[in-house]
C-alpha atoms as a PDB file:
ATOM      1  CA  MET A   1       0.000   0.000   0.000  1.00  0.00           C
ATOM      2  CA  ALA A   2       3.033   2.280   0.062  1.00  0.00           C
ATOM      3  CA  GLY A   3       2.496   5.413  -2.011  1.00  0.00           C
ATOM      4  CA  VAL A   4      -1.160   4.631  -2.742  1.00  0.00           C
ATOM      5  CA  PHE A   5      -2.108   8.260  -2.102  1.00  0.00           C
ATOM      6  CA  ASP A   6       0.288   9.291  -4.847  1.00  0.00           C
ATOM      7  CA  SER A   7      -1.522   7.175  -7.435  1.00  0.00           C
ATOM      8  CA  ASP A   8      -3.504   8.533 -10.381  1.00  0.00           C
ATOM      9  CA  ILE A   9      -6.701   7.877  -8.435  1.00  0.00           C
ATOM     10  CA  PHE A  10      -6.274  11.221  -6.697  1.00  0.00           C
ATOM     11  CA  THR A  11      -5.580  13.472  -9.688  1.00  0.00           C
ATOM     12  CA  LEU A  12      -8.038  16.257 -10.496  1.00  0.00           C
ATOM     13  CA  SER A  13      -9.010  14.683 -13.804  1.00  0.00           C
ATOM     14  CA  SER A  14      -9.555  11.215 -12.341  1.00  0.00           C
ATOM     15  CA  LEU A  15     -11.589  12.420  -9.372  1.00  0.00           C
ATOM     16  CA  THR A  16     -13.696  14.754 -11.519  1.00  0.00           C
ATOM     17  CA  ALA A  17     -14.408  11.971 -14.003  1.00  0.00           C
ATOM     18  CA  ALA A  18     -15.345   9.612 -11.177  1.00  0.00           C
ATOM     19  CA  ILE A  19     -17.724  11.991  -9.411  1.00  0.00           C
ATOM     20  CA  ASN A  20     -19.525  12.858 -12.651  1.00  0.00           C
ATOM     21  CA  GLU A  21     -20.174   9.127 -13.179  1.00  0.00           C
ATOM     22  CA  VAL A  22     -21.938   8.730  -9.823  1.00  0.00           C
ATOM     23  CA  GLN A  23     -25.496   7.527 -10.382  1.00  0.00           C
ATOM     24  CA  TYR A  24     -28.151   9.445  -8.438  1.00  0.00           C
ATOM     25  CA  VAL A  25     -31.724   8.680  -7.596  1.00  0.00           C
ATOM     26  CA  PRO A  26     -33.357  11.212  -9.959  1.00  0.00           C
ATOM     27  CA  SER A  27     -34.673  14.324  -8.238  1.00  0.00           C
ATOM     28  CA  GLN A  28     -38.279  15.176  -8.998  1.00  0.00           C
ATOM     29  CA  ILE A  29     -37.740  18.484 -10.769  1.00  0.00           C
ATOM     30  CA  GLY A  30     -34.423  17.438 -12.241  1.00  0.00           C
ATOM     31  CA  ASP A  31     -36.107  14.344 -13.666  1.00  0.00           C
ATOM     32  CA  MET A  32     -38.700  16.506 -15.453  1.00  0.00           C
ATOM     33  CA  GLY A  33     -36.019  17.919 -17.700  1.00  0.00           C
ATOM     34  CA  ALA A  34     -37.497  21.409 -17.360  1.00  0.00           C
ATOM     35  CA  PHE A  35     -34.082  23.005 -16.801  1.00  0.00           C
ATOM     36  CA  GLU A  36     -31.852  23.265 -19.885  1.00  0.00           C
ATOM     37  CA  ALA A  37     -28.279  22.811 -18.641  1.00  0.00           C
ATOM     38  CA  GLU A  38     -24.900  23.576 -20.176  1.00  0.00           C
ATOM     39  CA  GLY A  39     -21.432  24.668 -19.127  1.00  0.00           C
ATOM     40  CA  ILE A  40     -20.014  28.181 -19.400  1.00  0.00           C
ATOM     41  CA  SER A  41     -16.397  29.303 -19.264  1.00  0.00           C
ATOM     42  CA  THR A  42     -16.926  32.201 -16.809  1.00  0.00           C
ATOM     43  CA  THR A  43     -18.311  32.589 -13.291  1.00  0.00           C
ATOM     44  CA  SER A  44     -21.079  34.954 -14.427  1.00  0.00           C
ATOM     45  CA  LEU A  45     -23.726  35.014 -17.129  1.00  0.00           C
ATOM     46  CA  VAL A  46     -25.918  37.676 -18.705  1.00  0.00           C
ATOM     47  CA  ILE A  47     -29.567  37.245 -19.704  1.00  0.00           C
ATOM     48  CA  GLU A  48     -30.952  39.685 -22.242  1.00  0.00           C
ATOM     49  CA  LYS A  49     -34.176  41.376 -21.263  1.00  0.00           C
ATOM     50  CA  ASP A  50     -36.277  42.711 -24.141  1.00  0.00           C
ATOM     51  CA  GLY A  51     -38.514  45.582 -23.074  1.00  0.00           C
ATOM     52  CA  ASP A  52     -40.633  45.620 -26.244  1.00  0.00           C
ATOM     53  CA  LYS A  53     -43.797  43.707 -26.940  1.00  0.00           C
ATOM     54  CA  LEU A  54     -45.200  42.741 -30.331  1.00  0.00           C
ATOM     55  CA  GLY A  55     -47.741  45.236 -31.611  1.00  0.00           C
ATOM     56  CA  LEU A  56     -50.284  45.542 -34.415  1.00  0.00           C
ATOM     57  CA  VAL A  57     -49.569  47.337 -37.684  1.00  0.00           C
ATOM     58  CA  GLU A  58     -51.929  50.146 -38.627  1.00  0.00           C
ATOM     59  CA  ASN A  59     -53.781  49.902 -41.955  1.00  0.00           C
ATOM     60  CA  LYS A  60     -52.742  52.809 -44.230  1.00  0.00           C
ATOM     61  CA  PRO A  61     -53.396  53.854 -47.833  1.00  0.00           C
ATOM     62  CA  ARG A  62     -51.119  52.299 -50.432  1.00  0.00           C
ATOM     63  CA  GLY A  63     -47.994  54.418 -50.833  1.00  0.00           C
ATOM     64  CA  ALA A  64     -48.308  55.975 -47.358  1.00  0.00           C
ATOM     65  CA  PRO A  65     -45.330  55.807 -44.924  1.00  0.00           C
ATOM     66  CA  GLY A  66     -45.192  52.551 -43.004  1.00  0.00           C
ATOM     67  CA  THR A  67     -45.450  52.118 -39.263  1.00  0.00           C
ATOM     68  CA  VAL A  68     -42.052  52.735 -37.729  1.00  0.00           C
ATOM     69  CA  VAL A  69     -40.564  49.705 -36.013  1.00  0.00           C
ATOM     70  CA  GLY A  70     -37.785  50.761 -33.643  1.00  0.00           C
ATOM     71  CA  GLY A  71     -34.814  48.723 -32.510  1.00  0.00           C
ATOM     72  CA  ASP A  72     -35.170  46.315 -29.647  1.00  0.00           C
ATOM     73  CA  LYS A  73     -34.752  47.878 -26.231  1.00  0.00           C
ATOM     74  CA  ARG A  74     -32.555  45.193 -24.766  1.00  0.00           C
ATOM     75  CA  THR A  75     -30.869  45.298 -21.397  1.00  0.00           C
ATOM     76  CA  GLY A  76     -28.540  42.764 -19.858  1.00  0.00           C
ATOM     77  CA  VAL A  77     -29.196  41.218 -16.446  1.00  0.00           C
ATOM     78  CA  SER A  78     -26.100  39.695 -14.870  1.00  0.00           C
ATOM     79  CA  PHE A  79     -25.949  36.740 -12.483  1.00  0.00           C
ATOM     80  CA  GLN A  80     -23.034  35.234 -10.573  1.00  0.00           C
ATOM     81  CA  THR A  81     -22.925  31.464 -10.319  1.00  0.00           C
ATOM     82  CA  ALA A  82     -23.118  29.915  -6.866  1.00  0.00           C
ATOM     83  CA  HIS A  83     -20.133  28.052  -5.373  1.00  0.00           C
ATOM     84  CA  LEU A  84     -21.019  24.801  -3.583  1.00  0.00           C
ATOM     85  CA  PRO A  85     -17.946  23.095  -2.060  1.00  0.00           C
ATOM     86  CA  THR A  86     -17.929  20.009   0.166  1.00  0.00           C
ATOM     87  CA  THR A  87     -15.020  18.129   1.767  1.00  0.00           C
ATOM     88  CA  ALA A  88     -14.299  14.617   3.044  1.00  0.00           C
ATOM     89  CA  THR A  89     -11.186  12.702   4.104  1.00  0.00           C
ATOM     90  CA  VAL A  90      -9.747   9.283   3.372  1.00  0.00           C
ATOM     91  CA  LEU A  91      -7.339   8.366   6.175  1.00  0.00           C
ATOM     92  CA  ALA A  92      -4.376   6.045   5.934  1.00  0.00           C
ATOM     93  CA  ASP A  93      -5.897   3.823   8.614  1.00  0.00           C
ATOM     94  CA  GLU A  94      -8.929   3.256   6.381  1.00  0.00           C
ATOM     95  CA  VAL A  95      -6.853   1.790   3.564  1.00  0.00           C
ATOM     96  CA  GLN A  96      -4.267  -0.034   5.682  1.00  0.00           C
ATOM     97  CA  ASN A  97      -4.705  -3.807   5.559  1.00  0.00           C
ATOM     98  CA  VAL A  98      -7.673  -3.452   3.208  1.00  0.00           C
ATOM     99  CA  ARG A  99      -8.153  -6.875   1.716  1.00  0.00           C
ATOM    100  CA  ALA A 100      -8.941  -6.703  -1.966  1.00  0.00           C
ATOM    101  CA  PHE A 101     -12.181  -8.512  -2.768  1.00  0.00           C
ATOM    102  CA  GLY A 102     -12.161 -11.131  -5.520  1.00  0.00           C
ATOM    103  CA  THR A 103      -9.714 -10.121  -8.213  1.00  0.00           C
ATOM    104  CA  GLU A 104      -9.329  -6.536  -7.041  1.00  0.00           C
ATOM    105  CA  ASP A 105      -5.819  -5.323  -6.333  1.00  0.00           C
ATOM    106  CA  SER A 106      -5.009  -2.887  -3.508  1.00  0.00           C
ATOM    107  CA  GLU A 107      -5.465   0.179  -5.693  1.00  0.00           C
ATOM    108  CA  GLN A 108      -8.900  -0.973  -6.795  1.00  0.00           C
ATOM    109  CA  ALA A 109      -9.895  -1.433  -3.150  1.00  0.00           C
ATOM    110  CA  VAL A 110      -8.808   2.128  -2.365  1.00  0.00           C
ATOM    111  CA  GLN A 111     -10.721   3.327  -5.421  1.00  0.00           C
ATOM    112  CA  THR A 112     -13.861   1.752  -3.936  1.00  0.00           C
ATOM    113  CA  ILE A 113     -13.407   3.742  -0.714  1.00  0.00           C
ATOM    114  CA  VAL A 114     -12.830   6.951  -2.669  1.00  0.00           C
ATOM    115  CA  ASN A 115     -15.905   6.370  -4.830  1.00  0.00           C
ATOM    116  CA  ARG A 116     -18.085   5.902  -1.740  1.00  0.00           C
ATOM    117  CA  ARG A 117     -16.924   9.256  -0.385  1.00  0.00           C
ATOM    118  CA  LEU A 118     -17.479  10.919  -3.757  1.00  0.00           C
ATOM    119  CA  ALA A 119     -20.981   9.451  -3.969  1.00  0.00           C
ATOM    120  CA  LYS A 120     -21.959  10.931  -0.585  1.00  0.00           C
ATOM    121  CA  MET A 121     -20.544  14.316  -1.551  1.00  0.00           C
ATOM    122  CA  ALA A 122     -22.256  14.234  -4.945  1.00  0.00           C
ATOM    123  CA  GLN A 123     -25.629  13.375  -3.410  1.00  0.00           C
ATOM    124  CA  ARG A 124     -25.321  16.307  -0.997  1.00  0.00           C
ATOM    125  CA  ILE A 125     -24.607  18.663  -3.886  1.00  0.00           C
ATOM    126  CA  ASP A 126     -27.373  17.137  -5.996  1.00  0.00           C
ATOM    127  CA  MET A 127     -29.882  17.798  -3.216  1.00  0.00           C
ATOM    128  CA  THR A 128     -28.737  21.415  -3.205  1.00  0.00           C
ATOM    129  CA  HIS A 129     -29.300  21.613  -6.966  1.00  0.00           C
ATOM    130  CA  GLU A 130     -32.896  20.488  -6.438  1.00  0.00           C
ATOM    131  CA  TYR A 131     -33.286  23.084  -3.671  1.00  0.00           C
ATOM    132  CA  HIS A 132     -32.112  25.791  -6.075  1.00  0.00           C
ATOM    133  CA  ARG A 133     -34.397  24.527  -8.871  1.00  0.00           C
ATOM    134  CA  ILE A 134     -37.399  24.847  -6.577  1.00  0.00           C
ATOM    135  CA  GLY A 135     -36.232  28.352  -5.731  1.00  0.00           C
ATOM    136  CA  ALA A 136     -36.031  29.245  -9.422  1.00  0.00           C
ATOM    137  CA  ILE A 137     -39.632  28.079  -9.906  1.00  0.00           C
ATOM    138  CA  LYS A 138     -40.662  30.140  -6.869  1.00  0.00           C
ATOM    139  CA  GLY A 139     -38.673  33.134  -8.164  1.00  0.00           C
ATOM    140  CA  LEU A 140     -36.463  33.267  -5.088  1.00  0.00           C
ATOM    141  CA  VAL A 141     -33.344  31.094  -4.857  1.00  0.00           C
ATOM    142  CA  LEU A 142     -32.115  30.906  -1.263  1.00  0.00           C
ATOM    143  CA  ASP A 143     -28.889  29.715   0.318  1.00  0.00           C
ATOM    144  CA  SER A 144     -28.836  26.670   2.597  1.00  0.00           C
ATOM    145  CA  ASP A 145     -29.782  28.788   5.652  1.00  0.00           C
ATOM    146  CA  GLY A 146     -33.204  29.376   4.090  1.00  0.00           C
ATOM    147  CA  THR A 147     -32.999  33.171   4.400  1.00  0.00           C
ATOM    148  CA  THR A 148     -29.998  34.500   2.436  1.00  0.00           C
ATOM    149  CA  GLU A 149     -31.061  35.415  -1.089  1.00  0.00           C
ATOM    150  CA  LEU A 150     -28.897  34.178  -3.950  1.00  0.00           C
ATOM    151  CA  TYR A 151     -31.247  35.316  -6.733  1.00  0.00           C
ATOM    152  CA  ASN A 152     -34.438  37.346  -6.287  1.00  0.00           C
ATOM    153  CA  LEU A 153     -35.740  36.919  -9.821  1.00  0.00           C
ATOM    154  CA  TYR A 154     -38.800  39.154  -9.430  1.00  0.00           C
ATOM    155  CA  GLN A 155     -36.680  42.016  -8.173  1.00  0.00           C
ATOM    156  CA  THR A 156     -33.998  41.438 -10.819  1.00  0.00           C
ATOM    157  CA  PHE A 157     -36.444  41.398 -13.731  1.00  0.00           C
ATOM    158  CA  GLY A 158     -38.644  44.141 -12.270  1.00  0.00           C
ATOM    159  CA  VAL A 159     -41.891  42.140 -12.254  1.00  0.00           C
ATOM    160  CA  THR A 160     -44.455  41.192  -9.633  1.00  0.00           C
ATOM    161  CA  GLN A 161     -45.296  37.621  -8.734  1.00  0.00           C
ATOM    162  CA  GLN A 162     -48.717  36.497  -9.927  1.00  0.00           C
ATOM    163  CA  THR A 163     -50.917  34.492  -7.571  1.00  0.00           C
ATOM    164  CA  VAL A 164     -54.211  32.611  -7.605  1.00  0.00           C
ATOM    165  CA  ALA A 165     -56.227  31.899  -4.456  1.00  0.00           C
ATOM    166  CA  MET A 166     -57.746  28.485  -5.152  1.00  0.00           C
ATOM    167  CA  SER A 167     -60.348  28.588  -2.320  1.00  0.00           C
ATOM    168  CA  LEU A 168     -60.160  24.824  -1.921  1.00  0.00           C
ATOM    169  CA  GLY A 169     -61.707  25.029   1.528  1.00  0.00           C
ATOM    170  CA  THR A 170     -65.011  26.104  -0.053  1.00  0.00           C
ATOM    171  CA  ALA A 171     -67.103  23.278  -1.509  1.00  0.00           C
ATOM    172  CA  THR A 172     -68.773  25.500  -4.126  1.00  0.00           C
ATOM    173  CA  THR A 173     -65.507  26.792  -5.647  1.00  0.00           C
ATOM    174  CA  ASP A 174     -65.324  26.387  -9.426  1.00  0.00           C
ATOM    175  CA  VAL A 175     -61.908  24.710  -9.586  1.00  0.00           C
ATOM    176  CA  GLN A 176     -62.169  24.467 -13.379  1.00  0.00           C
ATOM    177  CA  GLY A 177     -62.523  28.247 -13.451  1.00  0.00           C
ATOM    178  CA  LYS A 178     -59.470  28.580 -11.212  1.00  0.00           C
ATOM    179  CA  ALA A 179     -57.524  26.451 -13.697  1.00  0.00           C
ATOM    180  CA  LEU A 180     -58.588  28.872 -16.427  1.00  0.00           C
ATOM    181  CA  ASP A 181     -57.308  31.751 -14.287  1.00  0.00           C
ATOM    182  CA  ILE A 182     -53.895  30.044 -14.169  1.00  0.00           C
ATOM    183  CA  HIS A 183     -53.834  29.570 -17.953  1.00  0.00           C
ATOM    184  CA  GLU A 184     -54.772  33.186 -18.594  1.00  0.00           C
ATOM    185  CA  LYS A 185     -52.157  34.575 -16.229  1.00  0.00           C
ATOM    186  CA  ILE A 186     -49.477  32.442 -17.899  1.00  0.00           C
ATOM    187  CA  GLU A 187     -50.632  33.550 -21.367  1.00  0.00           C
ATOM    188  CA  GLU A 188     -50.455  37.181 -20.287  1.00  0.00           C
ATOM    189  CA  ALA A 189     -46.975  36.742 -18.809  1.00  0.00           C
ATOM    190  CA  LEU A 190     -45.675  35.069 -21.968  1.00  0.00           C
ATOM    191  CA  ASP A 191     -47.036  37.848 -24.218  1.00  0.00           C
ATOM    192  CA  GLY A 192     -48.572  35.348 -26.596  1.00  0.00           C
ATOM    193  CA  LEU A 193     -45.566  33.022 -26.697  1.00  0.00           C
ATOM    194  CA  SER A 194     -46.763  29.462 -27.202  1.00  0.00           C
ATOM    195  CA  TYR A 195     -46.391  26.734 -24.611  1.00  0.00           C
ATOM    196  CA  THR A 196     -47.219  23.037 -24.646  1.00  0.00           C
ATOM    197  CA  GLY A 197     -48.735  22.561 -21.204  1.00  0.00           C
ATOM    198  CA  VAL A 198     -48.828  23.606 -17.563  1.00  0.00           C
ATOM    199  CA  THR A 199     -47.510  21.715 -14.541  1.00  0.00           C
ATOM    200  CA  VAL A 200     -48.397  22.444 -10.924  1.00  0.00           C
ATOM    201  CA  LEU A 201     -46.183  21.198  -8.074  1.00  0.00           C
ATOM    202  CA  CYS A 202     -48.256  20.964  -4.892  1.00  0.00           C
ATOM    203  CA  GLY A 203     -47.405  21.111  -1.208  1.00  0.00           C
ATOM    204  CA  LYS A 204     -48.751  18.395   1.075  1.00  0.00           C
ATOM    205  CA  SER A 205     -51.829  20.167   2.467  1.00  0.00           C
ATOM    206  CA  PHE A 206     -52.673  21.809  -0.870  1.00  0.00           C
ATOM    207  CA  TRP A 207     -52.575  18.411  -2.620  1.00  0.00           C
ATOM    208  CA  ARG A 208     -54.870  16.781  -0.079  1.00  0.00           C
ATOM    209  CA  LYS A 209     -57.443  19.567  -0.352  1.00  0.00           C
ATOM    210  CA  PHE A 210     -57.240  19.563  -4.134  1.00  0.00           C
ATOM    211  CA  ILE A 211     -57.802  15.835  -4.692  1.00  0.00           C
ATOM    212  CA  THR A 212     -60.665  15.746  -2.175  1.00  0.00           C
ATOM    213  CA  HIS A 213     -62.462  18.858  -3.451  1.00  0.00           C
ATOM    214  CA  LYS A 214     -66.003  18.140  -4.605  1.00  0.00           C
ATOM    215  CA  THR A 215     -65.483  19.584  -8.102  1.00  0.00           C
ATOM    216  CA  VAL A 216     -62.419  17.455  -8.728  1.00  0.00           C
ATOM    217  CA  LYS A 217     -63.935  14.278  -7.266  1.00  0.00           C
ATOM    218  CA  ASP A 218     -67.156  14.723  -9.256  1.00  0.00           C
ATOM    219  CA  ALA A 219     -65.194  15.159 -12.490  1.00  0.00           C
ATOM    220  CA  TYR A 220     -63.324  11.906 -11.978  1.00  0.00           C
ATOM    221  CA  ASP A 221     -66.361  10.067 -10.691  1.00  0.00           C
ATOM    222  CA  ARG A 222     -67.857  10.554 -14.176  1.00  0.00           C
ATOM    223  CA  TRP A 223     -64.645   9.663 -16.037  1.00  0.00           C
ATOM    224  CA  GLN A 224     -64.026   5.971 -16.710  1.00  0.00           C
ATOM    225  CA  ALA A 225     -66.396   4.995 -13.907  1.00  0.00           C
ATOM    226  CA  GLY A 226     -64.295   6.708 -11.259  1.00  0.00           C
ATOM    227  CA  ALA A 227     -61.023   4.986 -12.185  1.00  0.00           C
ATOM    228  CA  ARG A 228     -59.019   7.942 -10.925  1.00  0.00           C
ATOM    229  CA  LEU A 229     -60.676   7.741  -7.506  1.00  0.00           C
ATOM    230  CA  ARG A 230     -59.500   4.139  -7.121  1.00  0.00           C
ATOM    231  CA  ALA A 231     -55.900   4.990  -8.064  1.00  0.00           C
ATOM    232  CA  ASP A 232     -53.036   5.806  -5.694  1.00  0.00           C
ATOM    233  CA  PRO A 233     -53.881   9.266  -4.255  1.00  0.00           C
ATOM    234  CA  ARG A 234     -50.208  10.274  -4.627  1.00  0.00           C
ATOM    235  CA  GLU A 235     -50.236   9.847  -8.415  1.00  0.00           C
ATOM    236  CA  ALA A 236     -50.162  12.926 -10.651  1.00  0.00           C
ATOM    237  CA  PHE A 237     -53.095  13.583 -12.980  1.00  0.00           C
ATOM    238  CA  ALA A 238     -54.557  16.126 -15.389  1.00  0.00           C
ATOM    239  CA  PHE A 239     -57.439  18.430 -14.535  1.00  0.00           C
ATOM    240  CA  GLY A 240     -58.535  21.608 -16.265  1.00  0.00           C
ATOM    241  CA  GLY A 241     -55.837  21.250 -18.910  1.00  0.00           C
ATOM    242  CA  ILE A 242     -53.163  21.266 -16.198  1.00  0.00           C
ATOM    243  CA  PHE A 243     -50.941  18.460 -14.911  1.00  0.00           C
ATOM    244  CA  TRP A 244     -51.154  18.434 -11.110  1.00  0.00           C
ATOM    245  CA  GLU A 245     -48.356  16.734  -9.188  1.00  0.00           C
ATOM    246  CA  ARG A 246     -47.642  16.218  -5.498  1.00  0.00           C
ATOM    247  CA  TYR A 247     -44.111  17.288  -4.611  1.00  0.00           C
ATOM    248  CA  ARG A 248     -42.481  14.782  -2.308  1.00  0.00           C
ATOM    249  CA  ALA A 249     -40.555  16.876   0.178  1.00  0.00           C
ATOM    250  CA  GLY A 250     -37.247  15.946   1.780  1.00  0.00           C
ATOM    251  CA  GLY A 251     -35.917  18.094   4.624  1.00  0.00           C
ATOM    252  CA  PRO A 252     -35.483  21.692   3.442  1.00  0.00           C
ATOM    253  CA  VAL A 253     -36.204  20.673  -0.171  1.00  0.00           C
ATOM    254  CA  LYS A 254     -39.952  21.239  -0.204  1.00  0.00           C
ATOM    255  CA  ILE A 255     -42.918  23.320  -1.239  1.00  0.00           C
ATOM    256  CA  ALA A 256     -44.854  24.902   1.625  1.00  0.00           C
ATOM    257  CA  ASP A 257     -47.767  22.702   2.704  1.00  0.00           C
ATOM    258  CA  GLY A 258     -50.561  25.113   1.770  1.00  0.00           C
ATOM    259  CA  GLU A 259     -49.047  26.302  -1.508  1.00  0.00           C
ATOM    260  CA  ALA A 260     -48.419  25.148  -5.065  1.00  0.00           C
ATOM    261  CA  HIS A 261     -46.513  26.562  -8.021  1.00  0.00           C
ATOM    262  CA  ALA A 262     -47.670  26.486 -11.650  1.00  0.00           C
ATOM    263  CA  PHE A 263     -45.361  26.930 -14.610  1.00  0.00           C
ATOM    264  CA  PRO A 264     -45.625  26.457 -18.385  1.00  0.00           C
ATOM    265  CA  GLN A 265     -43.828  23.742 -20.309  1.00  0.00           C
ATOM    266  CA  GLY A 266     -42.362  23.870 -23.781  1.00  0.00           C
ATOM    267  CA  VAL A 267     -41.113  27.468 -23.524  1.00  0.00           C
ATOM    268  CA  LEU A 268     -37.589  27.814 -24.898  1.00  0.00           C
ATOM    269  CA  ASP A 269     -35.028  28.720 -22.213  1.00  0.00           C
ATOM    270  CA  LEU A 270     -37.680  29.364 -19.555  1.00  0.00           C
ATOM    271  CA  PHE A 271     -35.601  27.482 -16.983  1.00  0.00           C
ATOM    272  CA  ILE A 272     -31.853  27.331 -17.440  1.00  0.00           C
ATOM    273  CA  THR A 273     -28.919  25.889 -15.524  1.00  0.00           C
ATOM    274  CA  ARG A 274     -25.396  27.094 -16.185  1.00  0.00           C
ATOM    275  CA  PHE A 275     -22.314  25.466 -14.694  1.00  0.00           C
ATOM    276  CA  ALA A 276     -19.173  27.577 -14.240  1.00  0.00           C
ATOM    277  CA  PRO A 277     -15.708  25.986 -14.131  1.00  0.00           C
ATOM    278  CA  GLY A 278     -14.182  24.992 -10.789  1.00  0.00           C
ATOM    279  CA  ASP A 279     -11.770  27.342  -9.048  1.00  0.00           C
ATOM    280  CA  TYR A 280      -8.680  25.332 -10.006  1.00  0.00           C
ATOM    281  CA  MET A 281      -5.786  26.383 -12.220  1.00  0.00           C
ATOM    282  CA  ASP A 282      -6.490  23.388 -14.458  1.00  0.00           C
ATOM    283  CA  THR A 283     -10.059  24.525 -15.181  1.00  0.00           C
ATOM    284  CA  VAL A 284      -9.559  28.247 -15.890  1.00  0.00           C
ATOM    285  CA  ASN A 285     -11.554  29.325 -18.993  1.00  0.00           C
ATOM    286  CA  THR A 286     -12.813  25.804 -19.671  1.00  0.00           C
ATOM    287  CA  LEU A 287     -16.503  24.955 -20.046  1.00  0.00           C
ATOM    288  CA  GLY A 288     -17.967  24.158 -16.656  1.00  0.00           C
ATOM    289  CA  LEU A 289     -18.974  20.659 -15.597  1.00  0.00           C
ATOM    290  CA  PRO A 290     -21.772  19.759 -13.150  1.00  0.00           C
ATOM    291  CA  LEU A 291     -19.254  18.476 -10.581  1.00  0.00           C
ATOM    292  CA  TYR A 292     -15.554  18.705  -9.845  1.00  0.00           C
ATOM    293  CA  SER A 293     -13.420  16.883  -7.322  1.00  0.00           C
ATOM    294  CA  SER A 294      -9.814  17.295  -6.195  1.00  0.00           C
ATOM    295  CA  SER A 295      -7.533  16.034  -3.419  1.00  0.00           C
ATOM    296  CA  LYS A 296      -4.901  17.367  -1.043  1.00  0.00           C
ATOM    297  CA  MET A 297      -2.454  15.373   1.058  1.00  0.00           C
ATOM    298  CA  LEU A 298      -2.932  15.729   4.806  1.00  0.00           C
ATOM    299  CA  ASP A 299      -0.060  16.693   7.093  1.00  0.00           C
ATOM    300  CA  HIS A 300       2.421  13.906   7.790  1.00  0.00           C
ATOM    301  CA  ASN A 301       0.941  11.786   4.994  1.00  0.00           C
ATOM    302  CA  LYS A 302      -1.945  10.641   7.207  1.00  0.00           C
ATOM    303  CA  GLY A 303      -4.371  10.535   4.298  1.00  0.00           C
ATOM    304  CA  VAL A 304      -5.978  12.801   1.745  1.00  0.00           C
ATOM    305  CA  GLU A 305      -8.674  15.447   1.893  1.00  0.00           C
ATOM    306  CA  LEU A 306     -11.189  15.260  -0.931  1.00  0.00           C
ATOM    307  CA  GLU A 307     -13.108  18.263  -2.172  1.00  0.00           C
ATOM    308  CA  ALA A 308     -16.181  18.155  -4.403  1.00  0.00           C
ATOM    309  CA  GLN A 309     -17.741  21.292  -5.792  1.00  0.00           C
ATOM    310  CA  SER A 310     -20.347  22.550  -8.208  1.00  0.00           C
ATOM    311  CA  ASN A 311     -20.780  26.096  -9.493  1.00  0.00           C
ATOM    312  CA  PRO A 312     -24.346  26.382 -10.766  1.00  0.00           C
ATOM    313  CA  ALA A 313     -26.852  29.076 -11.558  1.00  0.00           C
ATOM    314  CA  HIS A 314     -30.414  27.731 -11.679  1.00  0.00           C
ATOM    315  CA  LEU A 315     -32.625  30.483 -13.099  1.00  0.00           C
ATOM    316  CA  CYS A 316     -36.064  31.251 -14.482  1.00  0.00           C
ATOM    317  CA  THR A 317     -35.868  33.806 -17.291  1.00  0.00           C
ATOM    318  CA  ARG A 318     -39.589  34.672 -17.188  1.00  0.00           C
ATOM    319  CA  PRO A 319     -40.537  34.533 -13.491  1.00  0.00           C
ATOM    320  CA  LYS A 320     -43.887  36.258 -14.071  1.00  0.00           C
ATOM    321  CA  ALA A 321     -45.009  33.126 -15.955  1.00  0.00           C
ATOM    322  CA  CYS A 322     -44.666  31.049 -12.756  1.00  0.00           C
ATOM    323  CA  ILE A 323     -47.873  31.385 -10.750  1.00  0.00           C
ATOM    324  CA  LYS A 324     -48.038  30.892  -6.985  1.00  0.00           C
ATOM    325  CA  LEU A 325     -51.201  29.136  -5.798  1.00  0.00           C
ATOM    326  CA  TYR A 326     -52.726  29.227  -2.332  1.00  0.00           C
ATOM    327  CA  GLU A 327     -55.004  26.450  -1.124  1.00  0.00           C
ATOM    328  CA  ASP A 328     -57.447  29.078   0.170  1.00  0.00           C
ATOM    329  CA  THR A 329     -56.353  32.725   0.251  1.00  0.00           C
ATOM    330  CA  ALA A 330     -52.995  34.489   0.344  1.00  0.00           C
ATOM    331  CA  THR A 331     -51.485  34.724   3.817  1.00  0.00           C
END
């Protein structure tokens, strides 16, 4: 085992390749594929904001001067990528006398230990990505403390969040009409831009009130002899031209119990993820990867310290098109 910590296992390229091969349990929003992700070569990005809307052209006599169409009034909105580092250690005592299993040699056994550490670090970062994606849908991306703002998208883009009070606590509420309200607010926010559908992610209490509301139950009681009512109550379904889905919370990664968030699908670059390069000399001005990992020898050769990091920006470019829903009224 002498010199095992000097092996190629612990190079930046090897560790980064290994951590990007870690298989995760797909996160709910990440699994939707709503966020278009790519690497960038800088630690900041600019989103163009177009202040003009499409307008109608006035009918004029033939030969008359045409309606003047001015240049686009574009402004750039800048964002800094977040920096999410984690650390772990592999001590000499952990690899001493490690018996290689089967045909593994000693280096392969050490690689197994390293990969386990990398997997834990990657899963922690991946959970943070999901936390930031939820924030982007809400229009407010927060740091891990739950209060520090990383990106306030409504403030940045100068728009106000749209809301719909669903009044699910009232039996006579026209939930179909509320669904139409959501569609119309999204249409208005997109200025006529087409979209392919609407998804709503629901908090726990909101979901329970929604699926048990008389209007919703009556609709599915008449559809396929109530097949929906006999299905798993956690399963997503369509109602009012909208796909309603219960968000399964995990620790701080959640949607508030009495709330839900609606957003359109099929809108180009509505949700984007950009990964900046790691803060290593080897990665300067290269296209960013989702994860990086590096190592540093501990004092007196007692082991190595591993670092894993990601440098993402999860953003919504049209936050006004994401509608906040309340199970009853805004609080």
